[in-house]
PDB file of N, CA and C in Angstrom:
ATOM      1  N   MET A   1    -193.192 -53.342 -16.408  1.00  0.00           N
ATOM      2  CA  MET A   1    -194.420 -54.030 -16.070  1.00  0.00           C
ATOM      3  C   MET A   1    -194.780 -55.054 -17.134  1.00  0.00           C
ATOM      4  N   LYS A   2    -194.524 -54.706 -18.366  1.00  0.00           N
ATOM      5  CA  LYS A   2    -194.857 -55.597 -19.452  1.00  0.00           C
ATOM      6  C   LYS A   2    -194.007 -56.867 -19.409  1.00  0.00           C
ATOM      7  N   SER A   3    -192.766 -56.773 -19.010  1.00  0.00           N
ATOM      8  CA  SER A   3    -191.894 -57.943 -18.960  1.00  0.00           C
ATOM      9  C   SER A   3    -192.356 -58.932 -17.898  1.00  0.00           C
ATOM     10  N   LYS A   4    -192.906 -58.460 -16.792  1.00  0.00           N
ATOM     11  CA  LYS A   4    -193.432 -59.366 -15.764  1.00  0.00           C
ATOM     12  C   LYS A   4    -194.630 -60.134 -16.293  1.00  0.00           C
ATOM     13  N   SER A   5    -195.452 -59.498 -17.070  1.00  0.00           N
ATOM     14  CA  SER A   5    -196.615 -60.151 -17.653  1.00  0.00           C
ATOM     15  C   SER A   5    -196.181 -61.239 -18.628  1.00  0.00           C
ATOM     16  N   VAL A   6    -195.172 -60.976 -19.410  1.00  0.00           N
ATOM     17  CA  VAL A   6    -194.665 -61.960 -20.359  1.00  0.00           C
ATOM     18  C   VAL A   6    -194.054 -63.138 -19.604  1.00  0.00           C
ATOM     19  N   ASN A   7    -193.313 -62.877 -18.544  1.00  0.00           N
ATOM     20  CA  ASN A   7    -192.716 -63.951 -17.749  1.00  0.00           C
ATOM     21  C   ASN A   7    -193.793 -64.815 -17.100  1.00  0.00           C
ATOM     22  N   PHE A   8    -194.852 -64.171 -16.628  1.00  0.00           N
ATOM     23  CA  PHE A   8    -195.944 -64.925 -16.022  1.00  0.00           C
ATOM     24  C   PHE A   8    -196.602 -65.829 -17.057  1.00  0.00           C
ATOM     25  N   ARG A   9    -196.833 -65.291 -18.251  1.00  0.00           N
ATOM     26  CA  ARG A   9    -197.452 -66.092 -19.307  1.00  0.00           C
ATOM     27  C   ARG A   9    -196.551 -67.245 -19.710  1.00  0.00           C
ATOM     28  N   THR A  10    -195.268 -67.000 -19.800  1.00  0.00           N
ATOM     29  CA  THR A  10    -194.325 -68.045 -20.174  1.00  0.00           C
ATOM     30  C   THR A  10    -194.281 -69.129 -19.107  1.00  0.00           C
ATOM     31  N   SER A  11    -194.219 -68.725 -17.842  1.00  0.00           N
ATOM     32  CA  SER A  11    -194.179 -69.724 -16.774  1.00  0.00           C
ATOM     33  C   SER A  11    -195.519 -70.453 -16.661  1.00  0.00           C
ATOM     34  N   TYR A  12    -196.608 -69.753 -16.928  1.00  0.00           N
ATOM     35  CA  TYR A  12    -197.935 -70.372 -16.906  1.00  0.00           C
ATOM     36  C   TYR A  12    -198.038 -71.427 -18.005  1.00  0.00           C
ATOM     37  N   LYS A  13    -197.564 -71.099 -19.197  1.00  0.00           N
ATOM     38  CA  LYS A  13    -197.577 -72.054 -20.307  1.00  0.00           C
ATOM     39  C   LYS A  13    -196.669 -73.239 -20.003  1.00  0.00           C
ATOM     40  N   SER A  14    -195.533 -72.972 -19.394  1.00  0.00           N
ATOM     41  CA  SER A  14    -194.610 -74.052 -19.031  1.00  0.00           C
ATOM     42  C   SER A  14    -195.248 -74.982 -18.005  1.00  0.00           C
ATOM     43  N   LEU A  15    -195.959 -74.402 -17.059  1.00  0.00           N
ATOM     44  CA  LEU A  15    -196.633 -75.200 -16.038  1.00  0.00           C
ATOM     45  C   LEU A  15    -197.714 -76.074 -16.664  1.00  0.00           C
ATOM     46  N   ILE A  16    -198.496 -75.508 -17.554  1.00  0.00           N
ATOM     47  CA  ILE A  16    -199.545 -76.268 -18.244  1.00  0.00           C
ATOM     48  C   ILE A  16    -198.917 -77.399 -19.057  1.00  0.00           C
ATOM     49  N   LEU A  17    -197.841 -77.100 -19.766  1.00  0.00           N
ATOM     50  CA  LEU A  17    -197.158 -78.115 -20.564  1.00  0.00           C
ATOM     51  C   LEU A  17    -196.610 -79.226 -19.670  1.00  0.00           C
ATOM     52  N   LEU A  18    -196.045 -78.864 -18.542  1.00  0.00           N
ATOM     53  CA  LEU A  18    -195.520 -79.852 -17.603  1.00  0.00           C
ATOM     54  C   LEU A  18    -196.633 -80.758 -17.077  1.00  0.00           C
ATOM     55  N   ILE A  19    -197.763 -80.184 -16.746  1.00  0.00           N
ATOM     56  CA  ILE A  19    -198.901 -80.972 -16.252  1.00  0.00           C
ATOM     57  C   ILE A  19    -199.392 -81.938 -17.327  1.00  0.00           C
ATOM     58  N   ILE A  20    -199.479 -81.459 -18.556  1.00  0.00           N
ATOM     59  CA  ILE A  20    -199.927 -82.329 -19.651  1.00  0.00           C
ATOM     60  C   ILE A  20    -198.952 -83.482 -19.854  1.00  0.00           C
ATOM     61  N   VAL A  21    -197.671 -83.192 -19.816  1.00  0.00           N
ATOM     62  CA  VAL A  21    -196.658 -84.239 -19.992  1.00  0.00           C
ATOM     63  C   VAL A  21    -196.724 -85.244 -18.852  1.00  0.00           C
ATOM     64  N   LEU A  22    -196.880 -84.772 -17.627  1.00  0.00           N
ATOM     65  CA  LEU A  22    -196.945 -85.684 -16.483  1.00  0.00           C
ATOM     66  C   LEU A  22    -198.166 -86.592 -16.559  1.00  0.00           C
ATOM     67  N   PHE A  23    -199.302 -86.042 -16.959  1.00  0.00           N
ATOM     68  CA  PHE A  23    -200.492 -86.883 -17.110  1.00  0.00           C
ATOM     69  C   PHE A  23    -200.317 -87.869 -18.256  1.00  0.00           C
ATOM     70  N   GLY A  24    -199.647 -87.443 -19.296  1.00  0.00           N
ATOM     71  CA  GLY A  24    -199.406 -88.331 -20.430  1.00  0.00           C
ATOM     72  C   GLY A  24    -198.471 -89.472 -20.083  1.00  0.00           C
ATOM     73  N   LEU A  25    -197.515 -89.213 -19.209  1.00  0.00           N
ATOM     74  CA  LEU A  25    -196.548 -90.238 -18.831  1.00  0.00           C
ATOM     75  C   LEU A  25    -196.995 -91.083 -17.647  1.00  0.00           C
ATOM     76  N   SER A  26    -198.032 -90.647 -16.970  1.00  0.00           N
ATOM     77  CA  SER A  26    -198.487 -91.401 -15.799  1.00  0.00           C
ATOM     78  C   SER A  26    -199.047 -92.746 -16.239  1.00  0.00           C
ATOM     79  N   ASP A  27    -199.051 -93.676 -15.322  1.00  0.00           N
ATOM     80  CA  ASP A  27    -199.500 -95.033 -15.622  1.00  0.00           C
ATOM     81  C   ASP A  27    -201.011 -95.117 -15.453  1.00  0.00           C
ATOM     82  N   CYS A  28    -201.720 -94.703 -16.461  1.00  0.00           N
ATOM     83  CA  CYS A  28    -203.179 -94.785 -16.448  1.00  0.00           C
ATOM     84  C   CYS A  28    -203.564 -96.087 -17.122  1.00  0.00           C
ATOM     85  N   SER A  29    -203.985 -97.051 -16.342  1.00  0.00           N
ATOM     86  CA  SER A  29    -204.320 -98.347 -16.927  1.00  0.00           C
ATOM     87  C   SER A  29    -205.711 -98.296 -17.539  1.00  0.00           C
ATOM     88  N   ASP A  30    -205.859 -99.041 -18.589  1.00  0.00           N
ATOM     89  CA  ASP A  30    -207.146 -99.173 -19.247  1.00  0.00           C
ATOM     90  C   ASP A  30    -208.044-100.027 -18.360  1.00  0.00           C
ATOM     91  N   VAL A  31    -209.301 -99.684 -18.286  1.00  0.00           N
ATOM     92  CA  VAL A  31    -210.228-100.425 -17.436  1.00  0.00           C
ATOM     93  C   VAL A  31    -210.306-101.886 -17.869  1.00  0.00           C
ATOM     94  N   ASP A  32    -210.202-102.138 -19.161  1.00  0.00           N
ATOM     95  CA  ASP A  32    -210.271-103.515 -19.652  1.00  0.00           C
ATOM     96  C   ASP A  32    -209.085-104.357 -19.195  1.00  0.00           C
ATOM     97  N   ASP A  33    -207.984-103.712 -18.801  1.00  0.00           N
ATOM     98  CA  ASP A  33    -206.832-104.459 -18.302  1.00  0.00           C
ATOM     99  C   ASP A  33    -207.140-105.134 -16.968  1.00  0.00           C
ATOM    100  N   ASP A  34    -208.172-104.686 -16.282  1.00  0.00           N
ATOM    101  CA  ASP A  34    -208.543-105.245 -14.984  1.00  0.00           C
ATOM    102  C   ASP A  34    -209.497-106.427 -15.105  1.00  0.00           C
ATOM    103  N   PHE A  35    -209.887-106.783 -16.323  1.00  0.00           N
ATOM    104  CA  PHE A  35    -210.887-107.824 -16.532  1.00  0.00           C
ATOM    105  C   PHE A  35    -210.368-108.927 -17.444  1.00  0.00           C
ATOM    106  N   TYR A  36    -210.769-110.169 -17.133  1.00  0.00           N
ATOM    107  CA  TYR A  36    -210.538-111.294 -18.036  1.00  0.00           C
ATOM    108  C   TYR A  36    -211.720-111.380 -18.985  1.00  0.00           C
ATOM    109  N   SER A  37    -211.472-111.880 -20.175  1.00  0.00           N
ATOM    110  CA  SER A  37    -212.580-112.151 -21.082  1.00  0.00           C
ATOM    111  C   SER A  37    -213.343-113.355 -20.537  1.00  0.00           C
ATOM    112  N   PHE A  38    -214.517-113.589 -21.086  1.00  0.00           N
ATOM    113  CA  PHE A  38    -215.321-114.724 -20.637  1.00  0.00           C
ATOM    114  C   PHE A  38    -214.539-116.025 -20.781  1.00  0.00           C
ATOM    115  N   GLY A  39    -213.894-116.210 -21.921  1.00  0.00           N
ATOM    116  CA  GLY A  39    -213.152-117.445 -22.177  1.00  0.00           C
ATOM    117  C   GLY A  39    -211.981-117.639 -21.229  1.00  0.00           C
ATOM    118  N   GLU A  40    -211.238-116.565 -20.970  1.00  0.00           N
ATOM    119  CA  GLU A  40    -210.095-116.661 -20.054  1.00  0.00           C
ATOM    120  C   GLU A  40    -210.546-117.025 -18.644  1.00  0.00           C
ATOM    121  N   ALA A  41    -211.567-116.341 -18.166  1.00  0.00           N
ATOM    122  CA  ALA A  41    -212.052-116.587 -16.807  1.00  0.00           C
ATOM    123  C   ALA A  41    -212.633-117.990 -16.673  1.00  0.00           C
ATOM    124  N   ALA A  42    -213.439-118.396 -17.644  1.00  0.00           N
ATOM    125  CA  ALA A  42    -214.048-119.725 -17.587  1.00  0.00           C
ATOM    126  C   ALA A  42    -212.974-120.809 -17.605  1.00  0.00           C
ATOM    127  N   THR A  43    -211.950-120.621 -18.414  1.00  0.00           N
ATOM    128  CA  THR A  43    -210.867-121.604 -18.488  1.00  0.00           C
ATOM    129  C   THR A  43    -210.124-121.703 -17.164  1.00  0.00           C
ATOM    130  N   LYS A  44    -209.800-120.561 -16.565  1.00  0.00           N
ATOM    131  CA  LYS A  44    -209.084-120.574 -15.283  1.00  0.00           C
ATOM    132  C   LYS A  44    -209.902-121.283 -14.198  1.00  0.00           C
ATOM    133  N   ILE A  45    -211.187-121.005 -14.154  1.00  0.00           N
ATOM    134  CA  ILE A  45    -212.037-121.612 -13.128  1.00  0.00           C
ATOM    135  C   ILE A  45    -212.214-123.112 -13.393  1.00  0.00           C
ATOM    136  N   MET A  46    -212.397-123.493 -14.659  1.00  0.00           N
ATOM    137  CA  MET A  46    -212.547-124.920 -14.980  1.00  0.00           C
ATOM    138  C   MET A  46    -211.270-125.693 -14.664  1.00  0.00           C
ATOM    139  N   VAL A  47    -210.123-125.099 -14.930  1.00  0.00           N
ATOM    140  CA  VAL A  47    -208.850-125.759 -14.614  1.00  0.00           C
ATOM    141  C   VAL A  47    -208.705-125.922 -13.102  1.00  0.00           C
ATOM    142  N   ALA A  48    -209.112-124.910 -12.342  1.00  0.00           N
ATOM    143  CA  ALA A  48    -209.039-125.002 -10.876  1.00  0.00           C
ATOM    144  C   ALA A  48    -209.945-126.122 -10.361  1.00  0.00           C
ATOM    145  N   TYR A  49    -211.163-126.212 -10.900  1.00  0.00           N
ATOM    146  CA  TYR A  49    -212.080-127.282 -10.503  1.00  0.00           C
ATOM    147  C   TYR A  49    -211.506-128.652 -10.869  1.00  0.00           C
ATOM    148  N   ALA A  50    -210.968-128.771 -12.079  1.00  0.00           N
ATOM    149  CA  ALA A  50    -210.421-130.053 -12.529  1.00  0.00           C
ATOM    150  C   ALA A  50    -209.230-130.471 -11.669  1.00  0.00           C
ATOM    151  N   ALA A  51    -208.388-129.513 -11.315  1.00  0.00           N
ATOM    152  CA  ALA A  51    -207.235-129.823 -10.465  1.00  0.00           C
ATOM    153  C   ALA A  51    -207.689-130.284  -9.081  1.00  0.00           C
ATOM    154  N   LYS A  52    -208.691-129.620  -8.528  1.00  0.00           N
ATOM    155  CA  LYS A  52    -209.194-130.009  -7.203  1.00  0.00           C
ATOM    156  C   LYS A  52    -209.865-131.374  -7.275  1.00  0.00           C
ATOM    157  N   ASP A  53    -210.614-131.635  -8.348  1.00  0.00           N
ATOM    158  CA  ASP A  53    -211.236-132.950  -8.517  1.00  0.00           C
ATOM    159  C   ASP A  53    -210.178-134.041  -8.635  1.00  0.00           C
ATOM    160  N   ALA A  54    -209.118-133.773  -9.373  1.00  0.00           N
ATOM    161  CA  ALA A  54    -208.044-134.759  -9.516  1.00  0.00           C
ATOM    162  C   ALA A  54    -207.351-135.001  -8.179  1.00  0.00           C
ATOM    163  N   GLU A  55    -207.148-133.945  -7.423  1.00  0.00           N
ATOM    164  CA  GLU A  55    -206.497-134.063  -6.116  1.00  0.00           C
ATOM    165  C   GLU A  55    -207.360-134.840  -5.131  1.00  0.00           C
ATOM    166  N   CYS A  56    -208.668-134.606  -5.175  1.00  0.00           N
ATOM    167  CA  CYS A  56    -209.565-135.187  -4.178  1.00  0.00           C
ATOM    168  C   CYS A  56    -210.272-136.454  -4.662  1.00  0.00           C
ATOM    169  N   GLY A  57    -210.098-136.816  -5.919  1.00  0.00           N
ATOM    170  CA  GLY A  57    -210.759-138.008  -6.438  1.00  0.00           C
ATOM    171  C   GLY A  57    -212.262-137.835  -6.555  1.00  0.00           C
ATOM    172  N   SER A  58    -212.706-136.646  -6.872  1.00  0.00           N
ATOM    173  CA  SER A  58    -214.140-136.373  -7.008  1.00  0.00           C
ATOM    174  C   SER A  58    -214.445-135.957  -8.440  1.00  0.00           C
ATOM    175  N   SER A  59    -215.711-135.703  -8.693  1.00  0.00           N
ATOM    176  CA  SER A  59    -216.094-135.275 -10.040  1.00  0.00           C
ATOM    177  C   SER A  59    -217.126-134.150  -9.964  1.00  0.00           C
ATOM    178  N   ARG A  60    -216.766-133.078  -9.312  1.00  0.00           N
ATOM    179  CA  ARG A  60    -217.644-131.902  -9.252  1.00  0.00           C
ATOM    180  C   ARG A  60    -217.680-131.259 -10.626  1.00  0.00           C
ATOM    181  N   GLN A  61    -218.801-130.724 -10.978  1.00  0.00           N
ATOM    182  CA  GLN A  61    -218.915-130.053 -12.263  1.00  0.00           C
ATOM    183  C   GLN A  61    -219.392-128.628 -12.047  1.00  0.00           C
ATOM    184  N   ILE A  62    -218.916-127.761 -12.899  1.00  0.00           N
ATOM    185  CA  ILE A  62    -219.378-126.375 -12.857  1.00  0.00           C
ATOM    186  C   ILE A  62    -220.765-126.353 -13.478  1.00  0.00           C
ATOM    187  N   THR A  63    -221.714-125.812 -12.752  1.00  0.00           N
ATOM    188  CA  THR A  63    -223.092-125.809 -13.247  1.00  0.00           C
ATOM    189  C   THR A  63    -223.475-124.496 -13.917  1.00  0.00           C
ATOM    190  N   SER A  64    -222.678-123.453 -13.709  1.00  0.00           N
ATOM    191  CA  SER A  64    -222.966-122.179 -14.369  1.00  0.00           C
ATOM    192  C   SER A  64    -221.680-121.378 -14.494  1.00  0.00           C
ATOM    193  N   PHE A  65    -221.683-120.467 -15.437  1.00  0.00           N
ATOM    194  CA  PHE A  65    -220.541-119.592 -15.655  1.00  0.00           C
ATOM    195  C   PHE A  65    -220.949-118.155 -15.389  1.00  0.00           C
ATOM    196  N   VAL A  66    -219.968-117.343 -15.062  1.00  0.00           N
ATOM    197  CA  VAL A  66    -220.214-115.917 -14.852  1.00  0.00           C
ATOM    198  C   VAL A  66    -220.225-115.254 -16.227  1.00  0.00           C
ATOM    199  N   PRO A  67    -221.251-114.478 -16.539  1.00  0.00           N
ATOM    200  CA  PRO A  67    -221.339-113.878 -17.878  1.00  0.00           C
ATOM    201  C   PRO A  67    -220.374-112.710 -18.058  1.00  0.00           C
ATOM    202  N   GLY A  68    -220.100-112.376 -19.289  1.00  0.00           N
ATOM    203  CA  GLY A  68    -219.329-111.178 -19.611  1.00  0.00           C
ATOM    204  C   GLY A  68    -217.876-111.256 -19.208  1.00  0.00           C
ATOM    205  N   LYS A  69    -217.318-110.089 -18.908  1.00  0.00           N
ATOM    206  CA  LYS A  69    -215.922-109.982 -18.476  1.00  0.00           C
ATOM    207  C   LYS A  69    -215.876-109.979 -16.958  1.00  0.00           C
ATOM    208  N   GLN A  70    -214.947-110.759 -16.402  1.00  0.00           N
ATOM    209  CA  GLN A  70    -214.839-110.840 -14.947  1.00  0.00           C
ATOM    210  C   GLN A  70    -213.583-110.125 -14.474  1.00  0.00           C
ATOM    211  N   ARG A  71    -213.698-109.498 -13.303  1.00  0.00           N
ATOM    212  CA  ARG A  71    -212.549-108.798 -12.725  1.00  0.00           C
ATOM    213  C   ARG A  71    -211.453-109.814 -12.409  1.00  0.00           C
ATOM    214  N   LYS A  72    -210.231-109.513 -12.831  1.00  0.00           N
ATOM    215  CA  LYS A  72    -209.105-110.443 -12.693  1.00  0.00           C
ATOM    216  C   LYS A  72    -208.853-110.841 -11.245  1.00  0.00           C
ATOM    217  N   LYS A  73    -208.861-109.864 -10.348  1.00  0.00           N
ATOM    218  CA  LYS A  73    -208.558-110.199  -8.950  1.00  0.00           C
ATOM    219  C   LYS A  73    -209.612-111.133  -8.367  1.00  0.00           C
ATOM    220  N   ASP A  74    -210.863-110.995  -8.797  1.00  0.00           N
ATOM    221  CA  ASP A  74    -211.923-111.870  -8.301  1.00  0.00           C
ATOM    222  C   ASP A  74    -211.749-113.300  -8.813  1.00  0.00           C
ATOM    223  N   VAL A  75    -211.417-113.437 -10.093  1.00  0.00           N
ATOM    224  CA  VAL A  75    -211.204-114.772 -10.664  1.00  0.00           C
ATOM    225  C   VAL A  75    -209.985-115.424 -10.017  1.00  0.00           C
ATOM    226  N   ASP A  76    -208.925-114.654  -9.839  1.00  0.00           N
ATOM    227  CA  ASP A  76    -207.719-115.198  -9.206  1.00  0.00           C
ATOM    228  C   ASP A  76    -207.987-115.608  -7.759  1.00  0.00           C
ATOM    229  N   ASN A  77    -208.798-114.832  -7.044  1.00  0.00           N
ATOM    230  CA  ASN A  77    -209.177-115.207  -5.672  1.00  0.00           C
ATOM    231  C   ASN A  77    -210.016-116.479  -5.664  1.00  0.00           C
ATOM    232  N   CYS A  78    -210.889-116.621  -6.633  1.00  0.00           N
ATOM    233  CA  CYS A  78    -211.713-117.828  -6.743  1.00  0.00           C
ATOM    234  C   CYS A  78    -210.832-119.050  -6.966  1.00  0.00           C
ATOM    235  N   VAL A  79    -209.900-118.935  -7.902  1.00  0.00           N
ATOM    236  CA  VAL A  79    -208.998-120.049  -8.210  1.00  0.00           C
ATOM    237  C   VAL A  79    -208.180-120.426  -6.976  1.00  0.00           C
ATOM    238  N   ALA A  80    -207.680-119.424  -6.265  1.00  0.00           N
ATOM    239  CA  ALA A  80    -206.900-119.690  -5.052  1.00  0.00           C
ATOM    240  C   ALA A  80    -207.770-120.330  -3.968  1.00  0.00           C
ATOM    241  N   SER A  81    -209.000-119.874  -3.842  1.00  0.00           N
ATOM    242  CA  SER A  81    -209.906-120.432  -2.833  1.00  0.00           C
ATOM    243  C   SER A  81    -210.236-121.889  -3.124  1.00  0.00           C
ATOM    244  N   VAL A  82    -210.436-122.213  -4.382  1.00  0.00           N
ATOM    245  CA  VAL A  82    -210.697-123.608  -4.754  1.00  0.00           C
ATOM    246  C   VAL A  82    -209.478-124.460  -4.409  1.00  0.00           C
ATOM    247  N   ALA A  83    -208.294-123.950  -4.691  1.00  0.00           N
ATOM    248  CA  ALA A  83    -207.066-124.702  -4.416  1.00  0.00           C
ATOM    249  C   ALA A  83    -206.873-124.946  -2.918  1.00  0.00           C
ATOM    250  N   PHE A  84    -207.319-124.013  -2.081  1.00  0.00           N
ATOM    251  CA  PHE A  84    -207.117-124.139  -0.633  1.00  0.00           C
ATOM    252  C   PHE A  84    -208.202-124.936   0.080  1.00  0.00           C
ATOM    253  N   GLU A  85    -209.272-125.292  -0.621  1.00  0.00           N
ATOM    254  CA  GLU A  85    -210.331-126.099   0.002  1.00  0.00           C
ATOM    255  C   GLU A  85    -209.770-127.458   0.423  1.00  0.00           C
ATOM    256  N   LYS A  86    -210.198-127.941   1.550  1.00  0.00           N
ATOM    257  CA  LYS A  86    -209.794-129.278   1.992  1.00  0.00           C
ATOM    258  C   LYS A  86    -210.601-130.309   1.215  1.00  0.00           C
ATOM    259  N   CYS A  87    -209.966-131.416   0.908  1.00  0.00           N
ATOM    260  CA  CYS A  87    -210.639-132.464   0.135  1.00  0.00           C
ATOM    261  C   CYS A  87    -211.876-133.001   0.854  1.00  0.00           C
ATOM    262  N   SER A  88    -211.806-133.086   2.167  1.00  0.00           N
ATOM    263  CA  SER A  88    -212.965-133.592   2.904  1.00  0.00           C
ATOM    264  C   SER A  88    -214.177-132.685   2.689  1.00  0.00           C
ATOM    265  N   PHE A  89    -213.961-131.391   2.678  1.00  0.00           N
ATOM    266  CA  PHE A  89    -215.053-130.453   2.431  1.00  0.00           C
ATOM    267  C   PHE A  89    -215.472-130.495   0.967  1.00  0.00           C
ATOM    268  N   TRP A  90    -214.502-130.562   0.075  1.00  0.00           N
ATOM    269  CA  TRP A  90    -214.776-130.546  -1.363  1.00  0.00           C
ATOM    270  C   TRP A  90    -215.638-131.735  -1.786  1.00  0.00           C
ATOM    271  N   THR A  91    -215.389-132.889  -1.202  1.00  0.00           N
ATOM    272  CA  THR A  91    -216.121-134.089  -1.621  1.00  0.00           C
ATOM    273  C   THR A  91    -217.434-134.284  -0.876  1.00  0.00           C
ATOM    274  N   GLN A  92    -217.551-133.764   0.353  1.00  0.00           N
ATOM    275  CA  GLN A  92    -218.729-134.055   1.162  1.00  0.00           C
ATOM    276  C   GLN A  92    -219.756-132.931   1.219  1.00  0.00           C
ATOM    277  N   ALA A  93    -219.345-131.716   0.966  1.00  0.00           N
ATOM    278  CA  ALA A  93    -220.282-130.590   1.070  1.00  0.00           C
ATOM    279  C   ALA A  93    -221.261-130.607  -0.096  1.00  0.00           C
ATOM    280  N   GLY A  94    -222.467-130.179   0.184  1.00  0.00           N
ATOM    281  CA  GLY A  94    -223.461-130.087  -0.880  1.00  0.00           C
ATOM    282  C   GLY A  94    -223.090-129.037  -1.915  1.00  0.00           C
ATOM    283  N   ASP A  95    -222.525-127.942  -1.454  1.00  0.00           N
ATOM    284  CA  ASP A  95    -222.096-126.863  -2.347  1.00  0.00           C
ATOM    285  C   ASP A  95    -220.715-126.392  -1.892  1.00  0.00           C
ATOM    286  N   PRO A  96    -219.662-126.998  -2.417  1.00  0.00           N
ATOM    287  CA  PRO A  96    -218.323-126.649  -1.952  1.00  0.00           C
ATOM    288  C   PRO A  96    -217.738-125.393  -2.589  1.00  0.00           C
ATOM    289  N   VAL A  97    -218.516-124.718  -3.410  1.00  0.00           N
ATOM    290  CA  VAL A  97    -217.997-123.543  -4.108  1.00  0.00           C
ATOM    291  C   VAL A  97    -217.684-122.441  -3.094  1.00  0.00           C
ATOM    292  N   PRO A  98    -216.439-121.964  -3.072  1.00  0.00           N
ATOM    293  CA  PRO A  98    -216.076-120.904  -2.128  1.00  0.00           C
ATOM    294  C   PRO A  98    -216.839-119.610  -2.408  1.00  0.00           C
ATOM    295  N   PHE A  99    -217.017-118.823  -1.369  1.00  0.00           N
ATOM    296  CA  PHE A  99    -217.715-117.549  -1.517  1.00  0.00           C
ATOM    297  C   PHE A  99    -217.009-116.649  -2.525  1.00  0.00           C
ATOM    298  N   ALA A 100    -215.681-116.746  -2.587  1.00  0.00           N
ATOM    299  CA  ALA A 100    -214.924-115.918  -3.534  1.00  0.00           C
ATOM    300  C   ALA A 100    -215.371-116.175  -4.971  1.00  0.00           C
ATOM    301  N   CYS A 101    -215.804-117.386  -5.258  1.00  0.00           N
ATOM    302  CA  CYS A 101    -216.273-117.702  -6.611  1.00  0.00           C
ATOM    303  C   CYS A 101    -217.695-117.194  -6.845  1.00  0.00           C
ATOM    304  N   LYS A 102    -218.464-117.125  -5.794  1.00  0.00           N
ATOM    305  CA  LYS A 102    -219.841-116.648  -5.926  1.00  0.00           C
ATOM    306  C   LYS A 102    -219.915-115.132  -5.987  1.00  0.00           C
ATOM    307  N   ALA A 103    -218.838-114.464  -5.604  1.00  0.00           N
ATOM    308  CA  ALA A 103    -218.839-113.001  -5.530  1.00  0.00           C
ATOM    309  C   ALA A 103    -218.003-112.359  -6.630  1.00  0.00           C
ATOM    310  N   ILE A 104    -217.853-113.027  -7.750  1.00  0.00           N
ATOM    311  CA  ILE A 104    -217.049-112.477  -8.842  1.00  0.00           C
ATOM    312  C   ILE A 104    -217.790-111.310  -9.484  1.00  0.00           C
ATOM    313  N   GLU A 105    -217.094-110.193  -9.576  1.00  0.00           N
ATOM    314  CA  GLU A 105    -217.669-109.007 -10.223  1.00  0.00           C
ATOM    315  C   GLU A 105    -217.488-109.143 -11.728  1.00  0.00           C
ATOM    316  N   TYR A 106    -218.497-108.762 -12.478  1.00  0.00           N
ATOM    317  CA  TYR A 106    -218.407-108.886 -13.929  1.00  0.00           C
ATOM    318  C   TYR A 106    -219.043-107.691 -14.622  1.00  0.00           C
ATOM    319  N   ARG A 107    -218.705-107.559 -15.904  1.00  0.00           N
ATOM    320  CA  ARG A 107    -219.285-106.528 -16.774  1.00  0.00           C
ATOM    321  C   ARG A 107    -219.864-107.211 -17.992  1.00  0.00           C
ATOM    322  N   LEU A 108    -221.003-106.761 -18.417  1.00  0.00           N
ATOM    323  CA  LEU A 108    -221.621-107.347 -19.602  1.00  0.00           C
ATOM    324  C   LEU A 108    -221.175-106.649 -20.881  1.00  0.00           C
ATOM    325  N   LYS A 109    -220.585-105.479 -20.773  1.00  0.00           N
ATOM    326  CA  LYS A 109    -220.127-104.750 -21.967  1.00  0.00           C
ATOM    327  C   LYS A 109    -218.737-105.143 -22.328  1.00  0.00           C
TER     328      LYS A 109
END
């Protein structure tokens, strides 16, 4: 009876060790890896605006920036949306900023 108890404890410890190793090796990304810094995001958005202005022969200016750290996928969607805007809309609309740019998620910390 005693040997079964020892085997159970050994297998229990092995199972716990295996779980710890698997969690340690799993790809747990840092939350900050999902966000651009303020400078990175602002630069990407300004470059997208400048490229669209050069393509369309306009001079739109960014009137505000998103504070803090911005979610990478949101900034990338904004940049892509600006690139896909038609020049006729970009130059003639009162506010040509795509919704993707207005909906950027950010963190202040």
